């Protein structure tokens, strides 16, 4: 098993995720934005620290010709997502064994590993059971919709609010600062910074400022945001993140940002759109369902302790 030690490895994993979308004709693995966010959506110091960490904890399984057959990505300490071709039991088995043998961690005197598994991925469930993992109730819900070609009319915004995209020019630093303030307020965090978001805008290969949609408040601050990562060749887009500042909730702003972004994706000829939410977030799940994101499928945490 190799690990992700270079930028060439980072880009090879990204390409594997795109290739797997074509093979499955849909999202079986991560979308590239999630991987790029893990690597690039960070301030300079954290980005370097992350590169050093994934050189130890992200496993890459290559075949005899050097092509990637599978990847094990830890999105958080001890929490792994397997990226393989569906039905490749041999690669899945090797990745799970590597996590158990080399990547279990100890927090608060408990040694454990967690692996995420789709609710219908029976083969991977059997592998996890054979390695003494047990399913938990914690899960994310992925939703999908097929975009028609006709744009959806935008709902009217309250007076003083406007919808636009992030600046790609001289205003990018100030927009990045506004975005950091919105993300911290919306998600109850304190670590987002302008440097972090600007790194993502400028370094992540899939990020396009014209698809980073914001709703501005009367004072110029960002009131809501919906990000869109579109892949025209594969004809799909992932909506991530979606958020509203607590001071501007219940005005339909996130819905307007999502509608604007989906319309821009329609204009690019994008066919399929995907979005995810935690099972414990009924508001988001209701909004996404009402906007046409149906066909839900869930991915659960399986956990092993020793």
C-alpha atoms as a PDB file:
ATOM      1  CA  UNK A   1       0.000   0.000   0.000  1.00  0.00           C
ATOM      2  CA  UNK A   2       1.310   3.418  -0.949  1.00  0.00           C
ATOM      3  CA  UNK A   3       0.303   6.711   0.628  1.00  0.00           C
ATOM      4  CA  UNK A   4      -0.467  10.156  -0.773  1.00  0.00           C
ATOM      5  CA  UNK A   5       2.986  11.733  -0.649  1.00  0.00           C
ATOM      6  CA  UNK A   6       2.983  14.171  -3.576  1.00  0.00           C
ATOM      7  CA  UNK A   7       0.844  16.609  -5.530  1.00  0.00           C
ATOM      8  CA  UNK A   8       0.945  14.064  -8.349  1.00  0.00           C
ATOM      9  CA  UNK A   9      -0.768  11.613  -5.980  1.00  0.00           C
ATOM     10  CA  UNK A  10      -3.365  14.257  -5.052  1.00  0.00           C
ATOM     11  CA  UNK A  11      -4.173  14.817  -8.716  1.00  0.00           C
ATOM     12  CA  UNK A  12      -4.174  11.075  -9.470  1.00  0.00           C
ATOM     13  CA  UNK A  13      -6.793  10.525  -6.758  1.00  0.00           C
ATOM     14  CA  UNK A  14      -8.867  13.350  -8.213  1.00  0.00           C
ATOM     15  CA  UNK A  15      -8.686  11.725 -11.647  1.00  0.00           C
ATOM     16  CA  UNK A  16      -9.642   8.337 -10.191  1.00  0.00           C
ATOM     17  CA  UNK A  17     -12.783   9.904  -8.705  1.00  0.00           C
ATOM     18  CA  UNK A  18     -13.724  11.383 -12.087  1.00  0.00           C
ATOM     19  CA  UNK A  19     -12.995   8.103 -13.844  1.00  0.00           C
ATOM     20  CA  UNK A  20     -15.125   6.201 -11.356  1.00  0.00           C
ATOM     21  CA  UNK A  21     -18.039   8.554 -12.019  1.00  0.00           C
ATOM     22  CA  UNK A  22     -17.856   7.652 -15.709  1.00  0.00           C
ATOM     23  CA  UNK A  23     -17.595   3.919 -14.911  1.00  0.00           C
ATOM     24  CA  UNK A  24     -20.577   3.946 -12.542  1.00  0.00           C
ATOM     25  CA  UNK A  25     -22.535   6.582 -14.470  1.00  0.00           C
ATOM     26  CA  UNK A  26     -23.119   8.249 -11.118  1.00  0.00           C
ATOM     27  CA  UNK A  27     -21.622   8.909  -7.683  1.00  0.00           C
ATOM     28  CA  UNK A  28     -20.492   5.689  -6.038  1.00  0.00           C
ATOM     29  CA  UNK A  29     -17.381   7.347  -4.581  1.00  0.00           C
ATOM     30  CA  UNK A  30     -16.603  10.857  -3.414  1.00  0.00           C
ATOM     31  CA  UNK A  31     -17.052  13.720  -5.816  1.00  0.00           C
ATOM     32  CA  UNK A  32     -13.728  15.503  -6.591  1.00  0.00           C
ATOM     33  CA  UNK A  33     -14.804  18.653  -4.713  1.00  0.00           C
ATOM     34  CA  UNK A  34     -14.789  16.791  -1.402  1.00  0.00           C
ATOM     35  CA  UNK A  35     -11.235  15.595  -1.962  1.00  0.00           C
ATOM     36  CA  UNK A  36     -10.094  19.005  -3.191  1.00  0.00           C
ATOM     37  CA  UNK A  37     -11.745  20.642  -0.190  1.00  0.00           C
ATOM     38  CA  UNK A  38      -9.841  18.361   2.185  1.00  0.00           C
ATOM     39  CA  UNK A  39      -6.538  19.299   0.538  1.00  0.00           C
ATOM     40  CA  UNK A  40      -6.991  22.943  -0.528  1.00  0.00           C
ATOM     41  CA  UNK A  41      -9.781  24.503   1.596  1.00  0.00           C
ATOM     42  CA  UNK A  42      -7.290  25.421   4.329  1.00  0.00           C
ATOM     43  CA  UNK A  43      -5.085  28.292   5.411  1.00  0.00           C
ATOM     44  CA  UNK A  44      -1.419  28.057   4.458  1.00  0.00           C
ATOM     45  CA  UNK A  45      -0.213  26.491   7.709  1.00  0.00           C
ATOM     46  CA  UNK A  46      -3.050  23.970   7.878  1.00  0.00           C
ATOM     47  CA  UNK A  47      -2.614  23.093   4.211  1.00  0.00           C
ATOM     48  CA  UNK A  48       1.007  22.113   4.826  1.00  0.00           C
ATOM     49  CA  UNK A  49       0.028  20.167   7.946  1.00  0.00           C
ATOM     50  CA  UNK A  50      -2.681  18.340   5.999  1.00  0.00           C
ATOM     51  CA  UNK A  51      -0.246  17.371   3.257  1.00  0.00           C
ATOM     52  CA  UNK A  52       2.046  15.915   5.908  1.00  0.00           C
ATOM     53  CA  UNK A  53      -0.851  14.032   7.539  1.00  0.00           C
ATOM     54  CA  UNK A  54      -2.270  12.468   4.383  1.00  0.00           C
ATOM     55  CA  UNK A  55       1.235  11.270   3.515  1.00  0.00           C
ATOM     56  CA  UNK A  56       0.764   8.953   6.497  1.00  0.00           C
ATOM     57  CA  UNK A  57      -2.968   8.240   6.531  1.00  0.00           C
ATOM     58  CA  UNK A  58      -4.378   8.223   2.966  1.00  0.00           C
ATOM     59  CA  UNK A  59      -3.763   4.839   1.388  1.00  0.00           C
ATOM     60  CA  UNK A  60      -3.474   4.284  -2.374  1.00  0.00           C
ATOM     61  CA  UNK A  61      -3.826   0.794  -3.830  1.00  0.00           C
ATOM     62  CA  UNK A  62      -2.292   0.506  -7.302  1.00  0.00           C
ATOM     63  CA  UNK A  63      -2.462  -2.324  -9.787  1.00  0.00           C
ATOM     64  CA  UNK A  64       0.501  -3.921 -11.611  1.00  0.00           C
ATOM     65  CA  UNK A  65       0.476  -1.196 -14.287  1.00  0.00           C
ATOM     66  CA  UNK A  66       0.447   1.622 -11.724  1.00  0.00           C
ATOM     67  CA  UNK A  67      -3.172   2.672 -12.145  1.00  0.00           C
ATOM     68  CA  UNK A  68      -5.152   3.339  -8.976  1.00  0.00           C
ATOM     69  CA  UNK A  69      -7.537   0.567  -7.947  1.00  0.00           C
ATOM     70  CA  UNK A  70      -8.666   2.018  -4.641  1.00  0.00           C
ATOM     71  CA  UNK A  71      -8.085   4.769  -2.103  1.00  0.00           C
ATOM     72  CA  UNK A  72      -8.747   5.015   1.653  1.00  0.00           C
ATOM     73  CA  UNK A  73      -9.303   8.634   2.750  1.00  0.00           C
ATOM     74  CA  UNK A  74      -9.589   9.726   6.375  1.00  0.00           C
ATOM     75  CA  UNK A  75     -11.748  12.839   6.374  1.00  0.00           C
ATOM     76  CA  UNK A  76     -11.458  13.136  10.152  1.00  0.00           C
ATOM     77  CA  UNK A  77      -9.289  11.310  12.729  1.00  0.00           C
ATOM     78  CA  UNK A  78     -10.091   7.621  12.456  1.00  0.00           C
ATOM     79  CA  UNK A  79     -12.928   8.147   9.947  1.00  0.00           C
ATOM     80  CA  UNK A  80     -12.356   6.533   6.551  1.00  0.00           C
ATOM     81  CA  UNK A  81     -14.125   6.601   3.201  1.00  0.00           C
ATOM     82  CA  UNK A  82     -13.188   3.918   0.686  1.00  0.00           C
ATOM     83  CA  UNK A  83     -12.951   4.850  -2.995  1.00  0.00           C
ATOM     84  CA  UNK A  84     -13.096   1.798  -5.259  1.00  0.00           C
ATOM     85  CA  UNK A  85     -14.881   0.433  -8.281  1.00  0.00           C
ATOM     86  CA  UNK A  86     -18.186  -1.060  -7.133  1.00  0.00           C
ATOM     87  CA  UNK A  87     -17.883  -4.817  -6.797  1.00  0.00           C
ATOM     88  CA  UNK A  88     -14.072  -4.802  -6.497  1.00  0.00           C
ATOM     89  CA  UNK A  89     -14.133  -6.929  -3.361  1.00  0.00           C
ATOM     90  CA  UNK A  90     -10.407  -7.663  -3.477  1.00  0.00           C
ATOM     91  CA  UNK A  91      -9.456  -3.968  -3.340  1.00  0.00           C
ATOM     92  CA  UNK A  92     -12.050  -3.217  -0.667  1.00  0.00           C
ATOM     93  CA  UNK A  93     -10.743  -6.112   1.443  1.00  0.00           C
ATOM     94  CA  UNK A  94      -7.140  -4.907   1.147  1.00  0.00           C
ATOM     95  CA  UNK A  95      -8.086  -1.328   2.093  1.00  0.00           C
ATOM     96  CA  UNK A  96     -10.101  -2.426   5.135  1.00  0.00           C
ATOM     97  CA  UNK A  97      -7.276  -4.697   6.291  1.00  0.00           C
ATOM     98  CA  UNK A  98      -4.765  -1.841   5.931  1.00  0.00           C
ATOM     99  CA  UNK A  99      -6.951   0.459   8.044  1.00  0.00           C
ATOM    100  CA  UNK A 100      -7.325  -2.200  10.762  1.00  0.00           C
ATOM    101  CA  UNK A 101      -3.640  -3.136  10.754  1.00  0.00           C
ATOM    102  CA  UNK A 102      -2.072   0.328  10.455  1.00  0.00           C
ATOM    103  CA  UNK A 103      -4.533   3.192  10.907  1.00  0.00           C
ATOM    104  CA  UNK A 104      -6.639   2.612  14.008  1.00  0.00           C
ATOM    105  CA  UNK A 105      -6.231   5.501  16.423  1.00  0.00           C
ATOM    106  CA  UNK A 106      -6.703   6.037  20.154  1.00  0.00           C
ATOM    107  CA  UNK A 107      -8.784   8.908  21.531  1.00  0.00           C
ATOM    108  CA  UNK A 108      -9.794   9.118  25.196  1.00  0.00           C
ATOM    109  CA  UNK A 109      -8.365   5.633  25.855  1.00  0.00           C
ATOM    110  CA  UNK A 110     -10.480   4.066  23.081  1.00  0.00           C
ATOM    111  CA  UNK A 111      -8.762   2.560  20.043  1.00  0.00           C
ATOM    112  CA  UNK A 112     -11.036   2.551  17.029  1.00  0.00           C
ATOM    113  CA  UNK A 113     -11.582   3.034  13.318  1.00  0.00           C
ATOM    114  CA  UNK A 114     -14.698   4.102  11.441  1.00  0.00           C
ATOM    115  CA  UNK A 115     -15.511   3.288   7.819  1.00  0.00           C
ATOM    116  CA  UNK A 116     -18.443   4.714   5.890  1.00  0.00           C
ATOM    117  CA  UNK A 117     -20.561   2.292   3.876  1.00  0.00           C
ATOM    118  CA  UNK A 118     -23.560   2.703   1.585  1.00  0.00           C
ATOM    119  CA  UNK A 119     -26.838   1.220   2.745  1.00  0.00           C
ATOM    120  CA  UNK A 120     -27.031  -1.005  -0.354  1.00  0.00           C
ATOM    121  CA  UNK A 121     -23.342  -1.953  -0.576  1.00  0.00           C
ATOM    122  CA  UNK A 122     -23.815  -5.518   0.652  1.00  0.00           C
ATOM    123  CA  UNK A 123     -20.352  -6.688  -0.429  1.00  0.00           C
ATOM    124  CA  UNK A 124     -18.579  -3.997   1.612  1.00  0.00           C
ATOM    125  CA  UNK A 125     -20.904  -4.613   4.565  1.00  0.00           C
ATOM    126  CA  UNK A 126     -19.861  -8.276   4.568  1.00  0.00           C
ATOM    127  CA  UNK A 127     -16.183  -7.281   4.512  1.00  0.00           C
ATOM    128  CA  UNK A 128     -16.702  -4.893   7.422  1.00  0.00           C
ATOM    129  CA  UNK A 129     -18.550  -7.537   9.444  1.00  0.00           C
ATOM    130  CA  UNK A 130     -15.696  -9.993   8.847  1.00  0.00           C
ATOM    131  CA  UNK A 131     -13.312  -7.398  10.337  1.00  0.00           C
ATOM    132  CA  UNK A 132     -15.503  -6.850  13.428  1.00  0.00           C
ATOM    133  CA  UNK A 133     -17.009  -3.517  12.401  1.00  0.00           C
ATOM    134  CA  UNK A 134     -20.574  -2.841  13.504  1.00  0.00           C
ATOM    135  CA  UNK A 135     -23.046  -0.406  11.932  1.00  0.00           C
ATOM    136  CA  UNK A 136     -24.144   2.745  13.763  1.00  0.00           C
ATOM    137  CA  UNK A 137     -27.200   4.926  13.218  1.00  0.00           C
ATOM    138  CA  UNK A 138     -25.147   7.934  12.087  1.00  0.00           C
ATOM    139  CA  UNK A 139     -25.471   8.599   8.381  1.00  0.00           C
ATOM    140  CA  UNK A 140     -25.515  11.131   5.587  1.00  0.00           C
ATOM    141  CA  UNK A 141     -28.206  11.310   2.923  1.00  0.00           C
ATOM    142  CA  UNK A 142     -27.216  11.915  -0.695  1.00  0.00           C
ATOM    143  CA  UNK A 143     -29.925  13.213  -3.033  1.00  0.00           C
ATOM    144  CA  UNK A 144     -29.998  13.459  -6.805  1.00  0.00           C
ATOM    145  CA  UNK A 145     -31.983  15.182  -9.503  1.00  0.00           C
ATOM    146  CA  UNK A 146     -31.863  15.282 -13.280  1.00  0.00           C
ATOM    147  CA  UNK A 147     -31.800  18.879 -14.462  1.00  0.00           C
ATOM    148  CA  UNK A 148     -34.084  19.840 -17.301  1.00  0.00           C
ATOM    149  CA  UNK A 149     -32.932  22.454 -19.771  1.00  0.00           C
ATOM    150  CA  UNK A 150     -35.367  25.189 -18.755  1.00  0.00           C
ATOM    151  CA  UNK A 151     -34.216  27.670 -16.097  1.00  0.00           C
ATOM    152  CA  UNK A 152     -36.239  27.975 -12.914  1.00  0.00           C
ATOM    153  CA  UNK A 153     -37.487  31.508 -12.152  1.00  0.00           C
ATOM    154  CA  UNK A 154     -35.851  33.097  -9.109  1.00  0.00           C
ATOM    155  CA  UNK A 155     -38.100  33.936  -6.194  1.00  0.00           C
ATOM    156  CA  UNK A 156     -38.088  37.675  -5.424  1.00  0.00           C
ATOM    157  CA  UNK A 157     -35.554  38.743  -2.826  1.00  0.00           C
ATOM    158  CA  UNK A 158     -36.389  41.116   0.029  1.00  0.00           C
ATOM    159  CA  UNK A 159     -35.497  44.757  -0.549  1.00  0.00           C
ATOM    160  CA  UNK A 160     -31.762  45.410  -0.408  1.00  0.00           C
ATOM    161  CA  UNK A 161     -30.706  41.799  -1.039  1.00  0.00           C
ATOM    162  CA  UNK A 162     -29.026  40.689  -4.269  1.00  0.00           C
ATOM    163  CA  UNK A 163     -27.623  37.478  -5.767  1.00  0.00           C
ATOM    164  CA  UNK A 164     -24.240  37.265  -7.481  1.00  0.00           C
ATOM    165  CA  UNK A 165     -21.109  35.144  -7.709  1.00  0.00           C
ATOM    166  CA  UNK A 166     -17.740  35.525  -6.012  1.00  0.00           C
ATOM    167  CA  UNK A 167     -15.350  37.987  -7.629  1.00  0.00           C
ATOM    168  CA  UNK A 168     -12.446  36.565  -9.607  1.00  0.00           C
ATOM    169  CA  UNK A 169     -10.629  39.913  -9.719  1.00  0.00           C
ATOM    170  CA  UNK A 170      -9.448  42.601  -7.324  1.00  0.00           C
ATOM    171  CA  UNK A 171     -12.435  42.102  -5.023  1.00  0.00           C
ATOM    172  CA  UNK A 172     -11.607  38.449  -4.356  1.00  0.00           C
ATOM    173  CA  UNK A 173      -9.795  39.092  -1.024  1.00  0.00           C
ATOM    174  CA  UNK A 174     -12.694  41.115   0.397  1.00  0.00           C
ATOM    175  CA  UNK A 175     -15.184  38.537  -0.872  1.00  0.00           C
ATOM    176  CA  UNK A 176     -13.088  35.803   0.760  1.00  0.00           C
ATOM    177  CA  UNK A 177     -13.266  37.671   4.069  1.00  0.00           C
ATOM    178  CA  UNK A 178     -17.053  38.000   3.786  1.00  0.00           C
ATOM    179  CA  UNK A 179     -17.290  34.300   3.020  1.00  0.00           C
ATOM    180  CA  UNK A 180     -15.213  33.352   6.062  1.00  0.00           C
ATOM    181  CA  UNK A 181     -17.495  35.451   8.262  1.00  0.00           C
ATOM    182  CA  UNK A 182     -20.579  33.770   6.765  1.00  0.00           C
ATOM    183  CA  UNK A 183     -19.228  30.224   7.149  1.00  0.00           C
ATOM    184  CA  UNK A 184     -18.244  30.819  10.772  1.00  0.00           C
ATOM    185  CA  UNK A 185     -21.636  32.291  11.637  1.00  0.00           C
ATOM    186  CA  UNK A 186     -23.722  29.768   9.689  1.00  0.00           C
ATOM    187  CA  UNK A 187     -21.954  26.656  10.970  1.00  0.00           C
ATOM    188  CA  UNK A 188     -21.130  27.900  14.483  1.00  0.00           C
ATOM    189  CA  UNK A 189     -17.382  27.766  13.905  1.00  0.00           C
ATOM    190  CA  UNK A 190     -14.431  30.063  14.417  1.00  0.00           C
ATOM    191  CA  UNK A 191     -11.666  28.650  12.242  1.00  0.00           C
ATOM    192  CA  UNK A 192     -12.678  29.753   8.743  1.00  0.00           C
ATOM    193  CA  UNK A 193     -10.497  32.520   7.318  1.00  0.00           C
ATOM    194  CA  UNK A 194     -10.194  34.571   4.150  1.00  0.00           C
ATOM    195  CA  UNK A 195      -6.861  32.888   3.431  1.00  0.00           C
ATOM    196  CA  UNK A 196      -8.505  29.447   3.630  1.00  0.00           C
ATOM    197  CA  UNK A 197     -11.297  30.282   1.195  1.00  0.00           C
ATOM    198  CA  UNK A 198      -9.025  32.152  -1.213  1.00  0.00           C
ATOM    199  CA  UNK A 199      -6.696  29.141  -1.308  1.00  0.00           C
ATOM    200  CA  UNK A 200      -9.649  26.998  -2.338  1.00  0.00           C
ATOM    201  CA  UNK A 201     -10.706  29.497  -5.020  1.00  0.00           C
ATOM    202  CA  UNK A 202      -7.243  29.684  -6.547  1.00  0.00           C
ATOM    203  CA  UNK A 203      -5.785  26.192  -5.981  1.00  0.00           C
ATOM    204  CA  UNK A 204      -8.651  23.698  -6.285  1.00  0.00           C
ATOM    205  CA  UNK A 205      -8.812  22.575  -9.932  1.00  0.00           C
ATOM    206  CA  UNK A 206     -12.595  22.162  -9.956  1.00  0.00           C
ATOM    207  CA  UNK A 207     -13.486  25.477  -8.290  1.00  0.00           C
ATOM    208  CA  UNK A 208     -15.025  28.170 -10.522  1.00  0.00           C
ATOM    209  CA  UNK A 209     -15.827  31.551  -9.039  1.00  0.00           C
ATOM    210  CA  UNK A 210     -18.836  32.012 -11.338  1.00  0.00           C
ATOM    211  CA  UNK A 211     -20.444  29.000  -9.632  1.00  0.00           C
ATOM    212  CA  UNK A 212     -19.753  30.212  -6.085  1.00  0.00           C
ATOM    213  CA  UNK A 213     -23.126  31.898  -5.530  1.00  0.00           C
ATOM    214  CA  UNK A 214     -23.852  34.343  -2.708  1.00  0.00           C
ATOM    215  CA  UNK A 215     -26.788  36.457  -1.609  1.00  0.00           C
ATOM    216  CA  UNK A 216     -25.638  39.814  -0.286  1.00  0.00           C
ATOM    217  CA  UNK A 217     -27.419  41.637   2.513  1.00  0.00           C
ATOM    218  CA  UNK A 218     -28.289  45.363   2.408  1.00  0.00           C
ATOM    219  CA  UNK A 219     -25.036  46.162   4.263  1.00  0.00           C
ATOM    220  CA  UNK A 220     -22.942  44.262   1.697  1.00  0.00           C
ATOM    221  CA  UNK A 221     -22.181  41.266   3.897  1.00  0.00           C
ATOM    222  CA  UNK A 222     -22.889  37.748   2.714  1.00  0.00           C
ATOM    223  CA  UNK A 223     -26.264  36.480   3.912  1.00  0.00           C
ATOM    224  CA  UNK A 224     -26.353  33.093   2.151  1.00  0.00           C
ATOM    225  CA  UNK A 225     -24.185  30.887  -0.026  1.00  0.00           C
ATOM    226  CA  UNK A 226     -24.449  27.866  -2.301  1.00  0.00           C
ATOM    227  CA  UNK A 227     -21.351  26.411  -3.926  1.00  0.00           C
ATOM    228  CA  UNK A 228     -21.445  24.415  -7.163  1.00  0.00           C
ATOM    229  CA  UNK A 229     -18.670  22.176  -8.466  1.00  0.00           C
ATOM    230  CA  UNK A 230     -19.521  21.312 -12.071  1.00  0.00           C
ATOM    231  CA  UNK A 231     -17.851  18.790 -14.348  1.00  0.00           C
ATOM    232  CA  UNK A 232     -19.011  19.439 -17.891  1.00  0.00           C
ATOM    233  CA  UNK A 233     -17.360  16.445 -19.553  1.00  0.00           C
ATOM    234  CA  UNK A 234     -19.043  14.058 -17.101  1.00  0.00           C
ATOM    235  CA  UNK A 235     -22.161  16.301 -16.977  1.00  0.00           C
ATOM    236  CA  UNK A 236     -22.672  16.461 -13.221  1.00  0.00           C
ATOM    237  CA  UNK A 237     -22.532  19.020 -10.445  1.00  0.00           C
ATOM    238  CA  UNK A 238     -22.247  18.748  -6.677  1.00  0.00           C
ATOM    239  CA  UNK A 239     -23.898  21.391  -4.487  1.00  0.00           C
ATOM    240  CA  UNK A 240     -21.718  22.007  -1.431  1.00  0.00           C
ATOM    241  CA  UNK A 241     -21.919  23.891   0.868  1.00  0.00           C
ATOM    242  CA  UNK A 242     -25.304  25.530   1.383  1.00  0.00           C
ATOM    243  CA  UNK A 243     -25.727  27.916   4.296  1.00  0.00           C
ATOM    244  CA  UNK A 244     -27.489  31.026   5.599  1.00  0.00           C
ATOM    245  CA  UNK A 245     -26.298  33.517   8.199  1.00  0.00           C
ATOM    246  CA  UNK A 246     -28.391  33.227  11.398  1.00  0.00           C
ATOM    247  CA  UNK A 247     -29.355  36.917  11.110  1.00  0.00           C
ATOM    248  CA  UNK A 248     -30.936  36.309   7.688  1.00  0.00           C
ATOM    249  CA  UNK A 249     -32.758  33.011   8.055  1.00  0.00           C
ATOM    250  CA  UNK A 250     -36.335  32.248   6.988  1.00  0.00           C
ATOM    251  CA  UNK A 251     -36.166  34.610   4.018  1.00  0.00           C
ATOM    252  CA  UNK A 252     -35.652  31.959   1.345  1.00  0.00           C
ATOM    253  CA  UNK A 253     -32.150  33.196   0.570  1.00  0.00           C
ATOM    254  CA  UNK A 254     -30.417  29.818   0.330  1.00  0.00           C
ATOM    255  CA  UNK A 255     -33.169  28.607  -1.982  1.00  0.00           C
ATOM    256  CA  UNK A 256     -32.522  31.601  -4.270  1.00  0.00           C
ATOM    257  CA  UNK A 257     -28.758  30.934  -4.242  1.00  0.00           C
ATOM    258  CA  UNK A 258     -29.363  27.273  -5.102  1.00  0.00           C
ATOM    259  CA  UNK A 259     -31.792  28.164  -7.894  1.00  0.00           C
ATOM    260  CA  UNK A 260     -29.343  30.657  -9.407  1.00  0.00           C
ATOM    261  CA  UNK A 261     -26.502  28.128  -9.306  1.00  0.00           C
ATOM    262  CA  UNK A 262     -28.576  25.311 -10.786  1.00  0.00           C
ATOM    263  CA  UNK A 263     -29.682  27.626 -13.602  1.00  0.00           C
ATOM    264  CA  UNK A 264     -26.041  28.406 -14.374  1.00  0.00           C
ATOM    265  CA  UNK A 265     -25.318  24.686 -14.450  1.00  0.00           C
ATOM    266  CA  UNK A 266     -28.232  24.130 -16.824  1.00  0.00           C
ATOM    267  CA  UNK A 267     -26.700  26.733 -19.127  1.00  0.00           C
ATOM    268  CA  UNK A 268     -23.491  24.679 -19.132  1.00  0.00           C
ATOM    269  CA  UNK A 269     -25.432  21.604 -20.212  1.00  0.00           C
ATOM    270  CA  UNK A 270     -25.066  19.809 -16.879  1.00  0.00           C
ATOM    271  CA  UNK A 271     -27.496  16.904 -16.524  1.00  0.00           C
ATOM    272  CA  UNK A 272     -27.149  15.486 -13.006  1.00  0.00           C
ATOM    273  CA  UNK A 273     -27.018  17.328  -9.679  1.00  0.00           C
ATOM    274  CA  UNK A 274     -26.167  15.880  -6.265  1.00  0.00           C
ATOM    275  CA  UNK A 275     -26.415  17.216  -2.728  1.00  0.00           C
ATOM    276  CA  UNK A 276     -25.872  15.739   0.746  1.00  0.00           C
ATOM    277  CA  UNK A 277     -27.127  16.430   4.259  1.00  0.00           C
ATOM    278  CA  UNK A 278     -26.900  14.801   7.673  1.00  0.00           C
ATOM    279  CA  UNK A 279     -29.890  12.726   8.729  1.00  0.00           C
ATOM    280  CA  UNK A 280     -30.115  14.977  11.786  1.00  0.00           C
ATOM    281  CA  UNK A 281     -30.777  18.098   9.674  1.00  0.00           C
ATOM    282  CA  UNK A 282     -34.507  17.901   8.818  1.00  0.00           C
ATOM    283  CA  UNK A 283     -34.679  21.502   7.571  1.00  0.00           C
ATOM    284  CA  UNK A 284     -32.040  20.999   4.886  1.00  0.00           C
ATOM    285  CA  UNK A 285     -33.446  17.626   3.869  1.00  0.00           C
ATOM    286  CA  UNK A 286     -36.910  19.161   3.485  1.00  0.00           C
ATOM    287  CA  UNK A 287     -35.612  22.066   1.388  1.00  0.00           C
ATOM    288  CA  UNK A 288     -33.568  19.809  -0.872  1.00  0.00           C
ATOM    289  CA  UNK A 289     -36.476  17.418  -1.345  1.00  0.00           C
ATOM    290  CA  UNK A 290     -38.821  20.301  -2.174  1.00  0.00           C
ATOM    291  CA  UNK A 291     -36.361  21.571  -4.800  1.00  0.00           C
ATOM    292  CA  UNK A 292     -36.395  18.298  -6.700  1.00  0.00           C
ATOM    293  CA  UNK A 293     -33.509  16.460  -5.047  1.00  0.00           C
ATOM    294  CA  UNK A 294     -35.115  13.067  -4.641  1.00  0.00           C
ATOM    295  CA  UNK A 295     -33.788   9.502  -4.942  1.00  0.00           C
ATOM    296  CA  UNK A 296     -32.178   9.619  -1.480  1.00  0.00           C
ATOM    297  CA  UNK A 297     -29.513   7.092  -0.540  1.00  0.00           C
ATOM    298  CA  UNK A 298     -27.724   6.875   2.798  1.00  0.00           C
ATOM    299  CA  UNK A 299     -24.151   6.155   3.826  1.00  0.00           C
ATOM    300  CA  UNK A 300     -23.633   4.900   7.389  1.00  0.00           C
ATOM    301  CA  UNK A 301     -20.714   4.909   9.806  1.00  0.00           C
ATOM    302  CA  UNK A 302     -19.454   1.433  10.710  1.00  0.00           C
ATOM    303  CA  UNK A 303     -17.182   1.331  13.770  1.00  0.00           C
ATOM    304  CA  UNK A 304     -14.657  -1.084  15.249  1.00  0.00           C
ATOM    305  CA  UNK A 305     -13.202  -0.718  18.732  1.00  0.00           C
ATOM    306  CA  UNK A 306     -10.526  -2.776  20.429  1.00  0.00           C
END
